[in-house]
C-alpha atoms as a PDB file:
ATOM      1  CA  MET A   1     -27.573  67.753  20.263  1.00  0.00           C
ATOM      2  CA  THR A   2     -30.201  68.218  22.274  1.00  0.00           C
ATOM      3  CA  LEU A   3     -30.224  70.387  25.576  1.00  0.00           C
ATOM      4  CA  GLU A   4     -30.874  67.508  27.529  1.00  0.00           C
ATOM      5  CA  LEU A   5     -27.408  65.531  26.546  1.00  0.00           C
ATOM      6  CA  LEU A   6     -25.188  68.538  26.842  1.00  0.00           C
ATOM      7  CA  ALA A   7     -26.157  68.638  30.386  1.00  0.00           C
ATOM      8  CA  ARG A   8     -26.007  64.977  30.431  1.00  0.00           C
ATOM      9  CA  PHE A   9     -22.162  64.973  29.433  1.00  0.00           C
ATOM     10  CA  ALA A  10     -21.252  67.697  30.762  1.00  0.00           C
ATOM     11  CA  SER A  11     -22.194  66.613  34.279  1.00  0.00           C
ATOM     12  CA  TYR A  12     -19.417  64.491  33.510  1.00  0.00           C
ATOM     13  CA  PRO A  13     -15.503  64.641  34.173  1.00  0.00           C
ATOM     14  CA  PRO A  14     -13.791  66.129  31.409  1.00  0.00           C
ATOM     15  CA  ASP A  15     -11.608  63.203  30.519  1.00  0.00           C
ATOM     16  CA  ALA A  16     -15.663  61.270  30.447  1.00  0.00           C
ATOM     17  CA  GLN A  17     -16.727  63.749  28.923  1.00  0.00           C
ATOM     18  CA  GLN A  18     -14.025  64.299  25.496  1.00  0.00           C
ATOM     19  CA  GLN A  19     -14.495  60.382  24.827  1.00  0.00           C
ATOM     20  CA  LEU A  20     -18.228  60.613  25.256  1.00  0.00           C
ATOM     21  CA  ALA A  21     -17.612  63.334  22.752  1.00  0.00           C
ATOM     22  CA  ARG A  22     -15.999  61.604  20.353  1.00  0.00           C
ATOM     23  CA  VAL A  23     -17.665  58.387  20.575  1.00  0.00           C
ATOM     24  CA  ARG A  24     -20.776  60.341  19.940  1.00  0.00           C
ATOM     25  CA  GLY A  25     -18.793  61.349  16.488  1.00  0.00           C
ATOM     26  CA  LEU A  26     -17.866  58.381  15.587  1.00  0.00           C
ATOM     27  CA  ILE A  27     -21.156  57.591  15.769  1.00  0.00           C
ATOM     28  CA  LEU A  28     -22.716  60.659  13.667  1.00  0.00           C
ATOM     29  CA  ALA A  29     -19.260  59.914  11.561  1.00  0.00           C
ATOM     30  CA  GLU A  30     -20.427  56.426  10.473  1.00  0.00           C
ATOM     31  CA  ALA A  31     -23.498  56.916   9.888  1.00  0.00           C
ATOM     32  CA  GLU A  32     -22.752  59.733   7.558  1.00  0.00           C
ATOM     33  CA  ALA A  33     -20.462  57.791   5.750  1.00  0.00           C
ATOM     34  CA  HIS A  34     -22.549  54.574   4.964  1.00  0.00           C
ATOM     35  CA  SER A  35     -25.301  56.732   4.395  1.00  0.00           C
ATOM     36  CA  LEU A  36     -28.218  55.523   6.981  1.00  0.00           C
ATOM     37  CA  GLY A  37     -29.901  58.791   7.272  1.00  0.00           C
ATOM     38  CA  ALA A  38     -30.430  61.152  10.335  1.00  0.00           C
ATOM     39  CA  VAL A  39     -29.860  59.992  13.501  1.00  0.00           C
ATOM     40  CA  GLU A  40     -31.893  59.907  16.723  1.00  0.00           C
ATOM     41  CA  GLU A  41     -30.160  61.102  19.267  1.00  0.00           C
ATOM     42  CA  THR A  42     -31.908  61.345  22.430  1.00  0.00           C
ATOM     43  CA  VAL A  43     -31.535  59.999  26.112  1.00  0.00           C
ATOM     44  CA  LYS A  44     -33.380  56.510  27.464  1.00  0.00           C
ATOM     45  CA  TRP A  45     -32.394  55.846  30.948  1.00  0.00           C
ATOM     46  CA  GLY A  46     -30.649  58.155  32.009  1.00  0.00           C
ATOM     47  CA  GLU A  47     -27.942  57.037  29.011  1.00  0.00           C
ATOM     48  CA  ALA A  48     -27.068  59.293  25.718  1.00  0.00           C
ATOM     49  CA  SER A  49     -28.607  57.520  22.789  1.00  0.00           C
ATOM     50  CA  PHE A  50     -28.620  56.744  19.100  1.00  0.00           C
ATOM     51  CA  ARG A  51     -30.005  55.505  16.682  1.00  0.00           C
ATOM     52  CA  VAL A  52     -30.995  55.443  12.934  1.00  0.00           C
ATOM     53  CA  LYS A  53     -33.163  54.296  10.614  1.00  0.00           C
ATOM     54  CA  GLY A  54     -32.928  49.649   9.835  1.00  0.00           C
ATOM     55  CA  GLY A  55     -30.511  50.174  12.991  1.00  0.00           C
ATOM     56  CA  SER A  56     -30.383  48.920  16.183  1.00  0.00           C
ATOM     57  CA  THR A  57     -29.806  50.994  19.303  1.00  0.00           C
ATOM     58  CA  ILE A  58     -26.553  52.600  20.512  1.00  0.00           C
ATOM     59  CA  ARG A  59     -26.476  53.859  24.429  1.00  0.00           C
ATOM     60  CA  ILE A  60     -23.628  55.767  25.794  1.00  0.00           C
ATOM     61  CA  ASP A  61     -22.134  56.671  29.213  1.00  0.00           C
ATOM     62  CA  TRP A  62     -19.418  56.750  32.048  1.00  0.00           C
ATOM     63  CA  LYS A  63     -20.737  55.504  35.767  1.00  0.00           C
ATOM     64  CA  PRO A  64     -18.869  56.859  38.834  1.00  0.00           C
ATOM     65  CA  LYS A  65     -17.999  52.790  39.143  1.00  0.00           C
ATOM     66  CA  SER A  66     -16.299  51.918  36.442  1.00  0.00           C
ATOM     67  CA  PRO A  67     -14.929  56.085  36.239  1.00  0.00           C
ATOM     68  CA  ASP A  68     -12.628  55.076  33.709  1.00  0.00           C
ATOM     69  CA  VAL A  69     -14.179  53.887  30.246  1.00  0.00           C
ATOM     70  CA  VAL A  70     -16.916  55.098  28.732  1.00  0.00           C
ATOM     71  CA  LYS A  71     -19.445  51.914  27.906  1.00  0.00           C
ATOM     72  CA  LEU A  72     -21.644  51.704  24.686  1.00  0.00           C
ATOM     73  CA  PHE A  73     -24.377  49.840  25.340  1.00  0.00           C
ATOM     74  CA  PHE A  74     -26.858  47.414  22.842  1.00  0.00           C
ATOM     75  CA  HIS A  75     -29.938  46.589  23.092  1.00  0.00           C
ATOM     76  CA  CYS A  76     -28.990  42.627  24.862  1.00  0.00           C
ATOM     77  CA  GLN A  77     -31.550  40.501  22.657  1.00  0.00           C
ATOM     78  CA  THR A  78     -29.274  40.923  19.818  1.00  0.00           C
ATOM     79  CA  ARG A  79     -26.432  39.279  18.373  1.00  0.00           C
ATOM     80  CA  LEU A  80     -24.166  42.080  18.378  1.00  0.00           C
ATOM     81  CA  VAL A  81     -21.444  42.869  21.117  1.00  0.00           C
ATOM     82  CA  GLU A  82     -21.223  38.182  20.595  1.00  0.00           C
ATOM     83  CA  THR A  83     -20.572  38.897  17.293  1.00  0.00           C
ATOM     84  CA  PHE A  84     -18.094  41.543  18.319  1.00  0.00           C
ATOM     85  CA  ARG A  85     -16.668  39.062  20.697  1.00  0.00           C
ATOM     86  CA  GLU A  86     -16.087  36.897  18.229  1.00  0.00           C
ATOM     87  CA  ILE A  87     -14.183  39.463  15.032  1.00  0.00           C
ATOM     88  CA  TYR A  88     -12.513  41.412  17.853  1.00  0.00           C
ATOM     89  CA  PRO A  89     -11.839  38.825  20.771  1.00  0.00           C
ATOM     90  CA  ASP A  90      -9.117  41.189  22.301  1.00  0.00           C
ATOM     91  CA  ALA A  91      -9.842  44.052  21.174  1.00  0.00           C
ATOM     92  CA  PHE A  92     -12.339  45.473  23.574  1.00  0.00           C
ATOM     93  CA  GLU A  93     -13.438  44.754  27.225  1.00  0.00           C
ATOM     94  CA  TYR A  94     -17.226  43.384  27.029  1.00  0.00           C
ATOM     95  CA  GLU A  95     -20.199  43.642  29.965  1.00  0.00           C
ATOM     96  CA  GLY A  96     -21.949  40.940  29.161  1.00  0.00           C
ATOM     97  CA  ASN A  97     -24.411  40.592  26.228  1.00  0.00           C
ATOM     98  CA  ARG A  98     -24.350  44.163  26.112  1.00  0.00           C
ATOM     99  CA  ALA A  99     -21.812  46.032  26.458  1.00  0.00           C
ATOM    100  CA  LEU A 100     -18.512  47.197  24.772  1.00  0.00           C
ATOM    101  CA  LEU A 101     -15.400  49.332  27.909  1.00  0.00           C
ATOM    102  CA  ILE A 102     -13.574  51.987  25.742  1.00  0.00           C
ATOM    103  CA  PRO A 103     -11.163  53.259  28.529  1.00  0.00           C
ATOM    104  CA  LEU A 104     -11.265  57.555  28.758  1.00  0.00           C
ATOM    105  CA  GLN A 105      -7.547  57.599  27.400  1.00  0.00           C
ATOM    106  CA  SER A 106      -7.944  55.411  24.580  1.00  0.00           C
ATOM    107  CA  ASP A 107      -8.509  56.193  20.326  1.00  0.00           C
ATOM    108  CA  THR A 108     -11.756  55.902  19.697  1.00  0.00           C
ATOM    109  CA  ASP A 109     -10.688  56.051  16.038  1.00  0.00           C
ATOM    110  CA  ASP A 110      -9.317  52.692  15.426  1.00  0.00           C
ATOM    111  CA  GLY A 111     -11.458  50.251  12.570  1.00  0.00           C
ATOM    112  CA  PRO A 112     -12.780  47.746  15.540  1.00  0.00           C
ATOM    113  CA  LEU A 113     -14.707  50.685  16.833  1.00  0.00           C
ATOM    114  CA  ARG A 114     -16.176  52.118  13.926  1.00  0.00           C
ATOM    115  CA  HIS A 115     -17.120  48.265  12.273  1.00  0.00           C
ATOM    116  CA  CYS A 116     -18.967  48.159  15.644  1.00  0.00           C
ATOM    117  CA  ILE A 117     -20.605  51.103  15.289  1.00  0.00           C
ATOM    118  CA  GLU A 118     -21.158  50.296  12.029  1.00  0.00           C
ATOM    119  CA  LEU A 119     -22.892  46.611  12.601  1.00  0.00           C
ATOM    120  CA  ALA A 120     -25.491  48.442  15.530  1.00  0.00           C
ATOM    121  CA  LEU A 121     -26.355  50.868  12.426  1.00  0.00           C
ATOM    122  CA  LYS A 122     -27.375  47.794   9.824  1.00  0.00           C
ATOM    123  CA  TYR A 123     -28.204  45.194  12.519  1.00  0.00           C
ATOM    124  CA  GLN A 124     -31.858  45.125  10.685  1.00  0.00           C
ATOM    125  CA  ARG A 125     -30.502  44.611   6.921  1.00  0.00           C
ATOM    126  CA  LEU A 126     -27.497  42.407   8.469  1.00  0.00           C
ATOM    127  CA  LYS A 127     -29.103  40.727  11.812  1.00  0.00           C
ATOM    128  CA  HIS A 128     -30.016  37.183   8.966  1.00  0.00           C
ATOM    129  CA  LEU A 129     -26.356  36.757   7.882  1.00  0.00           C
ATOM    130  CA  PRO A 130     -23.218  34.804   9.690  1.00  0.00           C
ATOM    131  CA  LEU A 131     -22.002  36.808  11.768  1.00  0.00           C
ATOM    132  CA  LEU A 132     -23.043  39.831  10.599  1.00  0.00           C
ATOM    133  CA  GLY A 133     -21.962  39.976   6.967  1.00  0.00           C
ATOM    134  CA  ALA A 134     -18.479  40.526   8.934  1.00  0.00           C
END
């Protein structure tokens, strides 16, 4: 994790820090589990940003305006959130075509979140498939 990313996470409340760390761990674990190569970790637009070659960027953040959730942001011009809504209509709260909302106290180790992360990390290979091959 970069120093900039560490500093960013450290500025948040403890519950948000813990959930962001869990989500970051899932992103890294999914990239490794699917042999997707190194994960580029940066801060973009003030948010933790993760990308692998051939994938779509995933950004994660906590915002004071929504203090009970962390958000996973996806590129709005992809079909990612639209697809997540179709295959997991009740698994998450969604914010437009950009984000999944994950409550601070929820279990992040469940199948739907892992699957959504996997689809984003493989997006360039899947974007032509119905429901991204889900």
